[in-house]
């Protein structure tokens, strides 16, 4: 049973209402990190430091360290490890691995 429920992100309907997660659980923190990763920095007026910089059309692609720092700032409960994976034909793909401590 969930003692302190929070709406699950992304918002989902269940057969009896909205999906929820336990406050401060690993799933809750992971969902908060994902929400930050999908929010452009400055988009939330009430929390302009929440989110990540826009890397659209950025020369050289995503700055993985800048992305990691933005996620840590937005969700300090998670330890973020960012790894850049180089692929063939000089294409770049970024893979972000999120480590979440079980106890805060």
PDB file of N, CA and C in Angstrom:
ATOM      1  N   UNK A   1       0.841  -1.181   0.000  1.00  0.00           N
ATOM      2  CA  UNK A   1       0.000   0.000   0.000  1.00  0.00           C
ATOM      3  C   UNK A   1       0.889   1.250   0.000  1.00  0.00           C
ATOM      4  N   UNK A   2       0.501   2.226  -0.779  1.00  0.00           N
ATOM      5  CA  UNK A   2       1.258   3.468  -0.871  1.00  0.00           C
ATOM      6  C   UNK A   2       0.848   4.393   0.266  1.00  0.00           C
ATOM      7  N   UNK A   3       1.825   4.749   1.113  1.00  0.00           N
ATOM      8  CA  UNK A   3       1.541   5.618   2.255  1.00  0.00           C
ATOM      9  C   UNK A   3       1.384   7.073   1.835  1.00  0.00           C
ATOM     10  N   UNK A   4       2.336   7.577   1.048  1.00  0.00           N
ATOM     11  CA  UNK A   4       2.287   8.964   0.576  1.00  0.00           C
ATOM     12  C   UNK A   4       2.307   8.925  -0.946  1.00  0.00           C
ATOM     13  N   UNK A   5       1.121   8.932  -1.584  1.00  0.00           N
ATOM     14  CA  UNK A   5       1.073   8.805  -3.040  1.00  0.00           C
ATOM     15  C   UNK A   5       1.395  10.101  -3.777  1.00  0.00           C
ATOM     16  N   UNK A   6       2.044   9.946  -4.904  1.00  0.00           N
ATOM     17  CA  UNK A   6       2.287  11.048  -5.836  1.00  0.00           C
ATOM     18  C   UNK A   6       1.850  10.560  -7.208  1.00  0.00           C
ATOM     19  N   UNK A   7       1.327  11.462  -8.030  1.00  0.00           N
ATOM     20  CA  UNK A   7       0.939  11.066  -9.375  1.00  0.00           C
ATOM     21  C   UNK A   7       2.153  10.546 -10.119  1.00  0.00           C
ATOM     22  N   UNK A   8       1.969   9.456 -10.826  1.00  0.00           N
ATOM     23  CA  UNK A   8       3.033   8.881 -11.624  1.00  0.00           C
ATOM     24  C   UNK A   8       3.239   9.730 -12.868  1.00  0.00           C
ATOM     25  N   UNK A   9       4.485   9.820 -13.315  1.00  0.00           N
ATOM     26  CA  UNK A   9       4.818  10.573 -14.514  1.00  0.00           C
ATOM     27  C   UNK A   9       5.355   9.621 -15.568  1.00  0.00           C
ATOM     28  N   UNK A  10       4.902   9.673 -16.783  1.00  0.00           N
ATOM     29  CA  UNK A  10       3.854  10.553 -17.276  1.00  0.00           C
ATOM     30  C   UNK A  10       2.507  10.164 -16.691  1.00  0.00           C
ATOM     31  N   UNK A  11       1.612  11.104 -16.647  1.00  0.00           N
ATOM     32  CA  UNK A  11       0.286  10.906 -16.078  1.00  0.00           C
ATOM     33  C   UNK A  11      -0.423   9.780 -16.823  1.00  0.00           C
ATOM     34  N   UNK A  12      -0.924   8.794 -16.062  1.00  0.00           N
ATOM     35  CA  UNK A  12      -1.597   7.643 -16.662  1.00  0.00           C
ATOM     36  C   UNK A  12      -2.882   7.342 -15.899  1.00  0.00           C
ATOM     37  N   UNK A  13      -3.892   6.929 -16.642  1.00  0.00           N
ATOM     38  CA  UNK A  13      -5.149   6.496 -16.027  1.00  0.00           C
ATOM     39  C   UNK A  13      -5.088   5.006 -15.740  1.00  0.00           C
ATOM     40  N   UNK A  14      -5.686   4.606 -14.631  1.00  0.00           N
ATOM     41  CA  UNK A  14      -5.835   3.199 -14.302  1.00  0.00           C
ATOM     42  C   UNK A  14      -7.337   2.914 -14.228  1.00  0.00           C
ATOM     43  N   UNK A  15      -7.693   1.685 -13.894  1.00  0.00           N
ATOM     44  CA  UNK A  15      -9.114   1.332 -13.815  1.00  0.00           C
ATOM     45  C   UNK A  15      -9.839   2.076 -12.688  1.00  0.00           C
ATOM     46  N   UNK A  16      -9.090   2.563 -11.692  1.00  0.00           N
ATOM     47  CA  UNK A  16      -9.748   3.253 -10.568  1.00  0.00           C
ATOM     48  C   UNK A  16      -9.244   4.681 -10.351  1.00  0.00           C
ATOM     49  N   UNK A  17      -8.670   5.290 -11.349  1.00  0.00           N
ATOM     50  CA  UNK A  17      -8.200   6.681 -11.216  1.00  0.00           C
ATOM     51  C   UNK A  17      -6.866   6.875 -11.905  1.00  0.00           C
ATOM     52  N   UNK A  18      -6.000   7.650 -11.268  1.00  0.00           N
ATOM     53  CA  UNK A  18      -4.679   7.926 -11.827  1.00  0.00           C
ATOM     54  C   UNK A  18      -3.631   7.028 -11.185  1.00  0.00           C
ATOM     55  N   UNK A  19      -2.617   6.659 -11.961  1.00  0.00           N
ATOM     56  CA  UNK A  19      -1.510   5.852 -11.441  1.00  0.00           C
ATOM     57  C   UNK A  19      -0.710   6.695 -10.456  1.00  0.00           C
ATOM     58  N   UNK A  20      -0.288   6.082  -9.358  1.00  0.00           N
ATOM     59  CA  UNK A  20       0.504   6.784  -8.348  1.00  0.00           C
ATOM     60  C   UNK A  20       1.738   5.971  -7.996  1.00  0.00           C
ATOM     61  N   UNK A  21       2.703   6.655  -7.392  1.00  0.00           N
ATOM     62  CA  UNK A  21       3.908   6.020  -6.876  1.00  0.00           C
ATOM     63  C   UNK A  21       4.143   6.524  -5.464  1.00  0.00           C
ATOM     64  N   UNK A  22       4.919   5.761  -4.699  1.00  0.00           N
ATOM     65  CA  UNK A  22       5.254   6.154  -3.330  1.00  0.00           C
ATOM     66  C   UNK A  22       6.238   7.325  -3.358  1.00  0.00           C
ATOM     67  N   UNK A  23       5.952   8.344  -2.562  1.00  0.00           N
ATOM     68  CA  UNK A  23       6.860   9.498  -2.467  1.00  0.00           C
ATOM     69  C   UNK A  23       8.250   9.032  -2.079  1.00  0.00           C
ATOM     70  N   UNK A  24       9.263   9.556  -2.757  1.00  0.00           N
ATOM     71  CA  UNK A  24      10.679   9.293  -2.494  1.00  0.00           C
ATOM     72  C   UNK A  24      11.125   7.868  -2.796  1.00  0.00           C
ATOM     73  N   UNK A  25      10.280   7.077  -3.456  1.00  0.00           N
ATOM     74  CA  UNK A  25      10.714   5.733  -3.861  1.00  0.00           C
ATOM     75  C   UNK A  25      11.652   5.865  -5.056  1.00  0.00           C
ATOM     76  N   UNK A  26      12.373   4.800  -5.359  1.00  0.00           N
ATOM     77  CA  UNK A  26      13.278   4.820  -6.513  1.00  0.00           C
ATOM     78  C   UNK A  26      12.516   5.124  -7.795  1.00  0.00           C
ATOM     79  N   UNK A  27      11.312   4.563  -7.931  1.00  0.00           N
ATOM     80  CA  UNK A  27      10.505   4.829  -9.121  1.00  0.00           C
ATOM     81  C   UNK A  27      10.104   6.306  -9.196  1.00  0.00           C
ATOM     82  N   UNK A  28       9.733   6.896  -8.067  1.00  0.00           N
ATOM     83  CA  UNK A  28       9.344   8.304  -8.020  1.00  0.00           C
ATOM     84  C   UNK A  28      10.513   9.190  -8.448  1.00  0.00           C
ATOM     85  N   UNK A  29      11.698   8.932  -7.918  1.00  0.00           N
ATOM     86  CA  UNK A  29      12.880   9.722  -8.271  1.00  0.00           C
ATOM     87  C   UNK A  29      13.209   9.548  -9.754  1.00  0.00           C
ATOM     88  N   UNK A  30      13.139   8.316 -10.255  1.00  0.00           N
ATOM     89  CA  UNK A  30      13.423   8.071 -11.672  1.00  0.00           C
ATOM     90  C   UNK A  30      12.436   8.811 -12.565  1.00  0.00           C
ATOM     91  N   UNK A  31      11.173   8.835 -12.188  1.00  0.00           N
ATOM     92  CA  UNK A  31      10.170   9.557 -12.973  1.00  0.00           C
ATOM     93  C   UNK A  31      10.423  11.060 -12.934  1.00  0.00           C
ATOM     94  N   UNK A  32      10.887  11.577 -11.807  1.00  0.00           N
ATOM     95  CA  UNK A  32      11.214  13.002 -11.700  1.00  0.00           C
ATOM     96  C   UNK A  32      12.416  13.355 -12.580  1.00  0.00           C
ATOM     97  N   UNK A  33      13.403  12.470 -12.647  1.00  0.00           N
ATOM     98  CA  UNK A  33      14.561  12.688 -13.522  1.00  0.00           C
ATOM     99  C   UNK A  33      14.111  12.697 -14.977  1.00  0.00           C
ATOM    100  N   UNK A  34      13.241  11.769 -15.342  1.00  0.00           N
ATOM    101  CA  UNK A  34      12.745  11.733 -16.717  1.00  0.00           C
ATOM    102  C   UNK A  34      11.972  13.013 -17.040  1.00  0.00           C
ATOM    103  N   UNK A  35      11.161  13.499 -16.103  1.00  0.00           N
ATOM    104  CA  UNK A  35      10.421  14.744 -16.323  1.00  0.00           C
ATOM    105  C   UNK A  35      11.388  15.905 -16.540  1.00  0.00           C
ATOM    106  N   UNK A  36      12.468  15.949 -15.763  1.00  0.00           N
ATOM    107  CA  UNK A  36      13.468  17.012 -15.928  1.00  0.00           C
ATOM    108  C   UNK A  36      14.148  16.897 -17.285  1.00  0.00           C
ATOM    109  N   UNK A  37      14.456  15.674 -17.712  1.00  0.00           N
ATOM    110  CA  UNK A  37      15.129  15.461 -18.986  1.00  0.00           C
ATOM    111  C   UNK A  37      14.251  15.861 -20.171  1.00  0.00           C
ATOM    112  N   UNK A  38      12.938  15.833 -19.978  1.00  0.00           N
ATOM    113  CA  UNK A  38      12.010  16.183 -21.054  1.00  0.00           C
ATOM    114  C   UNK A  38      11.553  17.647 -20.992  1.00  0.00           C
ATOM    115  N   UNK A  39      12.090  18.418 -20.045  1.00  0.00           N
ATOM    116  CA  UNK A  39      11.693  19.817 -19.874  1.00  0.00           C
ATOM    117  C   UNK A  39      12.855  20.725 -20.249  1.00  0.00           C
ATOM    118  N   UNK A  40      12.605  21.678 -21.130  1.00  0.00           N
ATOM    119  CA  UNK A  40      13.655  22.624 -21.514  1.00  0.00           C
ATOM    120  C   UNK A  40      13.896  23.613 -20.377  1.00  0.00           C
ATOM    121  N   UNK A  41      15.159  23.850 -20.077  1.00  0.00           N
ATOM    122  CA  UNK A  41      15.564  24.777 -19.025  1.00  0.00           C
ATOM    123  C   UNK A  41      14.870  26.123 -19.219  1.00  0.00           C
ATOM    124  N   UNK A  42      14.245  26.633 -18.150  1.00  0.00           N
ATOM    125  CA  UNK A  42      13.563  27.920 -18.207  1.00  0.00           C
ATOM    126  C   UNK A  42      12.099  27.841 -18.606  1.00  0.00           C
ATOM    127  N   UNK A  43      11.618  26.680 -19.009  1.00  0.00           N
ATOM    128  CA  UNK A  43      10.244  26.541 -19.459  1.00  0.00           C
ATOM    129  C   UNK A  43       9.254  26.696 -18.310  1.00  0.00           C
ATOM    130  N   UNK A  44       9.606  26.211 -17.115  1.00  0.00           N
ATOM    131  CA  UNK A  44       8.718  26.337 -15.952  1.00  0.00           C
ATOM    132  C   UNK A  44       8.987  27.680 -15.281  1.00  0.00           C
ATOM    133  N   UNK A  45       8.040  28.572 -15.369  1.00  0.00           N
ATOM    134  CA  UNK A  45       8.195  29.925 -14.835  1.00  0.00           C
ATOM    135  C   UNK A  45       8.454  29.898 -13.334  1.00  0.00           C
ATOM    136  N   UNK A  46       7.769  29.022 -12.613  1.00  0.00           N
ATOM    137  CA  UNK A  46       7.918  28.959 -11.154  1.00  0.00           C
ATOM    138  C   UNK A  46       9.222  28.298 -10.714  1.00  0.00           C
ATOM    139  N   UNK A  47       9.895  27.597 -11.626  1.00  0.00           N
ATOM    140  CA  UNK A  47      11.166  26.938 -11.324  1.00  0.00           C
ATOM    141  C   UNK A  47      12.065  27.001 -12.560  1.00  0.00           C
ATOM    142  N   UNK A  48      12.599  28.183 -12.879  1.00  0.00           N
ATOM    143  CA  UNK A  48      13.366  28.337 -14.122  1.00  0.00           C
ATOM    144  C   UNK A  48      14.650  27.511 -14.179  1.00  0.00           C
ATOM    145  N   UNK A  49      15.155  27.032 -13.034  1.00  0.00           N
ATOM    146  CA  UNK A  49      16.368  26.220 -13.021  1.00  0.00           C
ATOM    147  C   UNK A  49      16.072  24.733 -13.265  1.00  0.00           C
ATOM    148  N   UNK A  50      14.793  24.374 -13.389  1.00  0.00           N
ATOM    149  CA  UNK A  50      14.385  22.985 -13.609  1.00  0.00           C
ATOM    150  C   UNK A  50      14.463  22.648 -15.090  1.00  0.00           C
ATOM    151  N   UNK A  51      15.052  21.513 -15.418  1.00  0.00           N
ATOM    152  CA  UNK A  51      15.112  21.051 -16.796  1.00  0.00           C
ATOM    153  C   UNK A  51      16.519  21.011 -17.330  1.00  0.00           C
ATOM    154  N   UNK A  52      16.613  20.821 -18.629  1.00  0.00           N
ATOM    155  CA  UNK A  52      17.906  20.711 -19.299  1.00  0.00           C
ATOM    156  C   UNK A  52      17.998  21.727 -20.424  1.00  0.00           C
ATOM    157  N   UNK A  53      19.217  22.162 -20.761  1.00  0.00           N
ATOM    158  CA  UNK A  53      19.377  23.112 -21.866  1.00  0.00           C
ATOM    159  C   UNK A  53      18.906  22.497 -23.180  1.00  0.00           C
ATOM    160  N   UNK A  54      18.509  23.342 -24.102  1.00  0.00           N
ATOM    161  CA  UNK A  54      18.121  22.867 -25.426  1.00  0.00           C
ATOM    162  C   UNK A  54      19.387  22.596 -26.230  1.00  0.00           C
ATOM    163  N   UNK A  55      19.502  21.391 -26.738  1.00  0.00           N
ATOM    164  CA  UNK A  55      20.649  21.025 -27.547  1.00  0.00           C
ATOM    165  C   UNK A  55      20.279  20.933 -29.028  1.00  0.00           C
ATOM    166  N   UNK A  56      19.082  21.433 -29.372  1.00  0.00           N
ATOM    167  CA  UNK A  56      18.648  21.413 -30.761  1.00  0.00           C
ATOM    168  C   UNK A  56      19.600  22.274 -31.580  1.00  0.00           C
ATOM    169  N   UNK A  57      20.116  21.703 -32.632  1.00  0.00           N
ATOM    170  CA  UNK A  57      21.033  22.391 -33.539  1.00  0.00           C
ATOM    171  C   UNK A  57      22.343  22.816 -32.861  1.00  0.00           C
ATOM    172  N   UNK A  58      22.685  22.213 -31.738  1.00  0.00           N
ATOM    173  CA  UNK A  58      23.936  22.554 -31.054  1.00  0.00           C
ATOM    174  C   UNK A  58      25.113  21.984 -31.841  1.00  0.00           C
ATOM    175  N   UNK A  59      26.105  22.817 -32.060  1.00  0.00           N
ATOM    176  CA  UNK A  59      27.301  22.360 -32.765  1.00  0.00           C
ATOM    177  C   UNK A  59      27.983  21.273 -31.939  1.00  0.00           C
ATOM    178  N   UNK A  60      28.234  20.137 -32.538  1.00  0.00           N
ATOM    179  CA  UNK A  60      28.896  19.054 -31.827  1.00  0.00           C
ATOM    180  C   UNK A  60      27.951  18.160 -31.047  1.00  0.00           C
ATOM    181  N   UNK A  61      26.665  18.438 -31.059  1.00  0.00           N
ATOM    182  CA  UNK A  61      25.700  17.590 -30.368  1.00  0.00           C
ATOM    183  C   UNK A  61      25.550  17.942 -28.892  1.00  0.00           C
ATOM    184  N   UNK A  62      25.047  17.000 -28.154  1.00  0.00           N
ATOM    185  CA  UNK A  62      24.769  17.182 -26.730  1.00  0.00           C
ATOM    186  C   UNK A  62      26.063  17.230 -25.932  1.00  0.00           C
ATOM    187  N   UNK A  63      26.157  18.198 -25.032  1.00  0.00           N
ATOM    188  CA  UNK A  63      27.262  18.251 -24.076  1.00  0.00           C
ATOM    189  C   UNK A  63      26.835  17.381 -22.897  1.00  0.00           C
ATOM    190  N   UNK A  64      27.371  16.170 -22.834  1.00  0.00           N
ATOM    191  CA  UNK A  64      26.923  15.181 -21.862  1.00  0.00           C
ATOM    192  C   UNK A  64      27.131  15.664 -20.429  1.00  0.00           C
ATOM    193  N   UNK A  65      28.247  16.329 -20.154  1.00  0.00           N
ATOM    194  CA  UNK A  65      28.499  16.818 -18.790  1.00  0.00           C
ATOM    195  C   UNK A  65      27.505  17.922 -18.420  1.00  0.00           C
ATOM    196  N   UNK A  66      27.195  18.800 -19.350  1.00  0.00           N
ATOM    197  CA  UNK A  66      26.212  19.865 -19.094  1.00  0.00           C
ATOM    198  C   UNK A  66      24.831  19.258 -18.836  1.00  0.00           C
ATOM    199  N   UNK A  67      24.482  18.220 -19.585  1.00  0.00           N
ATOM    200  CA  UNK A  67      23.214  17.524 -19.384  1.00  0.00           C
ATOM    201  C   UNK A  67      23.174  16.880 -18.006  1.00  0.00           C
ATOM    202  N   UNK A  68      24.260  16.198 -17.622  1.00  0.00           N
ATOM    203  CA  UNK A  68      24.325  15.547 -16.305  1.00  0.00           C
ATOM    204  C   UNK A  68      24.164  16.560 -15.191  1.00  0.00           C
ATOM    205  N   UNK A  69      24.872  17.697 -15.288  1.00  0.00           N
ATOM    206  CA  UNK A  69      24.783  18.729 -14.256  1.00  0.00           C
ATOM    207  C   UNK A  69      23.369  19.297 -14.150  1.00  0.00           C
ATOM    208  N   UNK A  70      22.704  19.499 -15.288  1.00  0.00           N
ATOM    209  CA  UNK A  70      21.337  20.016 -15.270  1.00  0.00           C
ATOM    210  C   UNK A  70      20.386  19.025 -14.607  1.00  0.00           C
ATOM    211  N   UNK A  71      20.569  17.729 -14.866  1.00  0.00           N
ATOM    212  CA  UNK A  71      19.714  16.722 -14.237  1.00  0.00           C
ATOM    213  C   UNK A  71      19.955  16.636 -12.738  1.00  0.00           C
ATOM    214  N   UNK A  72      21.207  16.734 -12.315  1.00  0.00           N
ATOM    215  CA  UNK A  72      21.526  16.705 -10.884  1.00  0.00           C
ATOM    216  C   UNK A  72      20.927  17.924 -10.183  1.00  0.00           C
ATOM    217  N   UNK A  73      20.987  19.091 -10.834  1.00  0.00           N
ATOM    218  CA  UNK A  73      20.405  20.305 -10.264  1.00  0.00           C
ATOM    219  C   UNK A  73      18.887  20.160 -10.152  1.00  0.00           C
ATOM    220  N   UNK A  74      18.264  19.591 -11.167  1.00  0.00           N
ATOM    221  CA  UNK A  74      16.807  19.448 -11.186  1.00  0.00           C
ATOM    222  C   UNK A  74      16.318  18.373 -10.225  1.00  0.00           C
ATOM    223  N   UNK A  75      17.078  17.321 -10.045  1.00  0.00           N
ATOM    224  CA  UNK A  75      16.676  16.222  -9.161  1.00  0.00           C
ATOM    225  C   UNK A  75      17.865  15.756  -8.337  1.00  0.00           C
ATOM    226  N   UNK A  76      18.130  16.458  -7.214  1.00  0.00           N
ATOM    227  CA  UNK A  76      19.313  16.144  -6.405  1.00  0.00           C
ATOM    228  C   UNK A  76      19.265  14.796  -5.702  1.00  0.00           C
ATOM    229  N   UNK A  77      18.104  14.131  -5.667  1.00  0.00           N
ATOM    230  CA  UNK A  77      18.024  12.815  -5.023  1.00  0.00           C
ATOM    231  C   UNK A  77      18.674  11.724  -5.861  1.00  0.00           C
ATOM    232  N   UNK A  78      18.924  11.992  -7.139  1.00  0.00           N
ATOM    233  CA  UNK A  78      19.496  10.971  -8.025  1.00  0.00           C
ATOM    234  C   UNK A  78      20.961  11.266  -8.287  1.00  0.00           C
ATOM    235  N   UNK A  79      21.732  10.217  -8.341  1.00  0.00           N
ATOM    236  CA  UNK A  79      23.127  10.329  -8.769  1.00  0.00           C
ATOM    237  C   UNK A  79      23.126  10.015 -10.260  1.00  0.00           C
ATOM    238  N   UNK A  80      23.574  10.953 -11.075  1.00  0.00           N
ATOM    239  CA  UNK A  80      23.518  10.798 -12.519  1.00  0.00           C
ATOM    240  C   UNK A  80      24.905  10.455 -13.048  1.00  0.00           C
ATOM    241  N   UNK A  81      24.985   9.390 -13.801  1.00  0.00           N
ATOM    242  CA  UNK A  81      26.209   9.024 -14.495  1.00  0.00           C
ATOM    243  C   UNK A  81      25.900   9.129 -15.975  1.00  0.00           C
ATOM    244  N   UNK A  82      26.661   9.948 -16.703  1.00  0.00           N
ATOM    245  CA  UNK A  82      26.447  10.127 -18.137  1.00  0.00           C
ATOM    246  C   UNK A  82      27.618   9.540 -18.897  1.00  0.00           C
ATOM    247  N   UNK A  83      27.313   8.787 -19.923  1.00  0.00           N
ATOM    248  CA  UNK A  83      28.357   8.179 -20.740  1.00  0.00           C
ATOM    249  C   UNK A  83      28.097   8.509 -22.205  1.00  0.00           C
ATOM    250  N   UNK A  84      29.134   8.884 -22.920  1.00  0.00           N
ATOM    251  CA  UNK A  84      29.041   9.134 -24.350  1.00  0.00           C
ATOM    252  C   UNK A  84      29.504   7.892 -25.090  1.00  0.00           C
ATOM    253  N   UNK A  85      28.682   7.420 -25.992  1.00  0.00           N
ATOM    254  CA  UNK A  85      29.033   6.240 -26.774  1.00  0.00           C
ATOM    255  C   UNK A  85      29.221   6.672 -28.218  1.00  0.00           C
ATOM    256  N   UNK A  86      30.413   6.495 -28.731  1.00  0.00           N
ATOM    257  CA  UNK A  86      30.699   6.844 -30.130  1.00  0.00           C
ATOM    258  C   UNK A  86      30.384   5.630 -30.986  1.00  0.00           C
ATOM    259  N   UNK A  87      29.757   5.864 -32.130  1.00  0.00           N
ATOM    260  CA  UNK A  87      29.393   4.777 -33.022  1.00  0.00           C
ATOM    261  C   UNK A  87      30.089   4.932 -34.359  1.00  0.00           C
ATOM    262  N   UNK A  88      29.867   4.012 -35.266  1.00  0.00           N
ATOM    263  CA  UNK A  88      30.500   4.016 -36.580  1.00  0.00           C
ATOM    264  C   UNK A  88      30.083   5.227 -37.400  1.00  0.00           C
ATOM    265  N   UNK A  89      30.859   5.537 -38.412  1.00  0.00           N
ATOM    266  CA  UNK A  89      30.570   6.609 -39.360  1.00  0.00           C
ATOM    267  C   UNK A  89      30.479   7.974 -38.692  1.00  0.00           C
ATOM    268  N   UNK A  90      31.220   8.174 -37.639  1.00  0.00           N
ATOM    269  CA  UNK A  90      31.280   9.440 -36.917  1.00  0.00           C
ATOM    270  C   UNK A  90      29.934   9.915 -36.385  1.00  0.00           C
ATOM    271  N   UNK A  91      28.959   8.999 -36.282  1.00  0.00           N
ATOM    272  CA  UNK A  91      27.684   9.356 -35.678  1.00  0.00           C
ATOM    273  C   UNK A  91      27.852   9.292 -34.168  1.00  0.00           C
ATOM    274  N   UNK A  92      27.199  10.192 -33.470  1.00  0.00           N
ATOM    275  CA  UNK A  92      27.280  10.188 -32.021  1.00  0.00           C
ATOM    276  C   UNK A  92      25.927   9.833 -31.435  1.00  0.00           C
ATOM    277  N   UNK A  93      25.959   9.029 -30.428  1.00  0.00           N
ATOM    278  CA  UNK A  93      24.742   8.689 -29.687  1.00  0.00           C
ATOM    279  C   UNK A  93      25.061   8.840 -28.218  1.00  0.00           C
ATOM    280  N   UNK A  94      24.200   9.500 -27.483  1.00  0.00           N
ATOM    281  CA  UNK A  94      24.404   9.672 -26.052  1.00  0.00           C
ATOM    282  C   UNK A  94      23.523   8.700 -25.284  1.00  0.00           C
ATOM    283  N   UNK A  95      24.103   8.059 -24.328  1.00  0.00           N
ATOM    284  CA  UNK A  95      23.382   7.147 -23.461  1.00  0.00           C
ATOM    285  C   UNK A  95      23.515   7.674 -22.041  1.00  0.00           C
ATOM    286  N   UNK A  96      22.403   7.902 -21.395  1.00  0.00           N
ATOM    287  CA  UNK A  96      22.420   8.404 -20.017  1.00  0.00           C
ATOM    288  C   UNK A  96      21.949   7.287 -19.098  1.00  0.00           C
ATOM    289  N   UNK A  97      22.778   6.947 -18.158  1.00  0.00           N
ATOM    290  CA  UNK A  97      22.429   5.945 -17.156  1.00  0.00           C
ATOM    291  C   UNK A  97      22.171   6.678 -15.855  1.00  0.00           C
ATOM    292  N   UNK A  98      21.083   6.361 -15.172  1.00  0.00           N
ATOM    293  CA  UNK A  98      20.710   7.052 -13.944  1.00  0.00           C
ATOM    294  C   UNK A  98      20.824   6.073 -12.780  1.00  0.00           C
ATOM    295  N   UNK A  99      21.654   6.433 -11.810  1.00  0.00           N
ATOM    296  CA  UNK A  99      21.789   5.629 -10.596  1.00  0.00           C
ATOM    297  C   UNK A  99      21.015   6.339  -9.488  1.00  0.00           C
ATOM    298  N   UNK A 100      20.185   5.597  -8.781  1.00  0.00           N
ATOM    299  CA  UNK A 100      19.352   6.185  -7.730  1.00  0.00           C
ATOM    300  C   UNK A 100      19.654   5.483  -6.418  1.00  0.00           C
ATOM    301  N   UNK A 101      19.997   6.265  -5.417  1.00  0.00           N
ATOM    302  CA  UNK A 101      20.242   5.693  -4.104  1.00  0.00           C
ATOM    303  C   UNK A 101      18.925   5.260  -3.495  1.00  0.00           C
ATOM    304  N   UNK A 102      18.916   4.124  -2.825  1.00  0.00           N
ATOM    305  CA  UNK A 102      17.682   3.615  -2.216  1.00  0.00           C
ATOM    306  C   UNK A 102      17.288   4.396  -0.959  1.00  0.00           C
ATOM    307  N   UNK A 103      18.259   4.926  -0.237  1.00  0.00           N
ATOM    308  CA  UNK A 103      17.961   5.694   0.972  1.00  0.00           C
ATOM    309  C   UNK A 103      18.503   7.086   0.813  1.00  0.00           C
ATOM    310  N   UNK A 104      17.771   8.079   1.272  1.00  0.00           N
ATOM    311  CA  UNK A 104      18.146   9.481   1.103  1.00  0.00           C
ATOM    312  C   UNK A 104      18.638  10.067   2.378  1.00  0.00           C
TER     313      UNK A 104
END
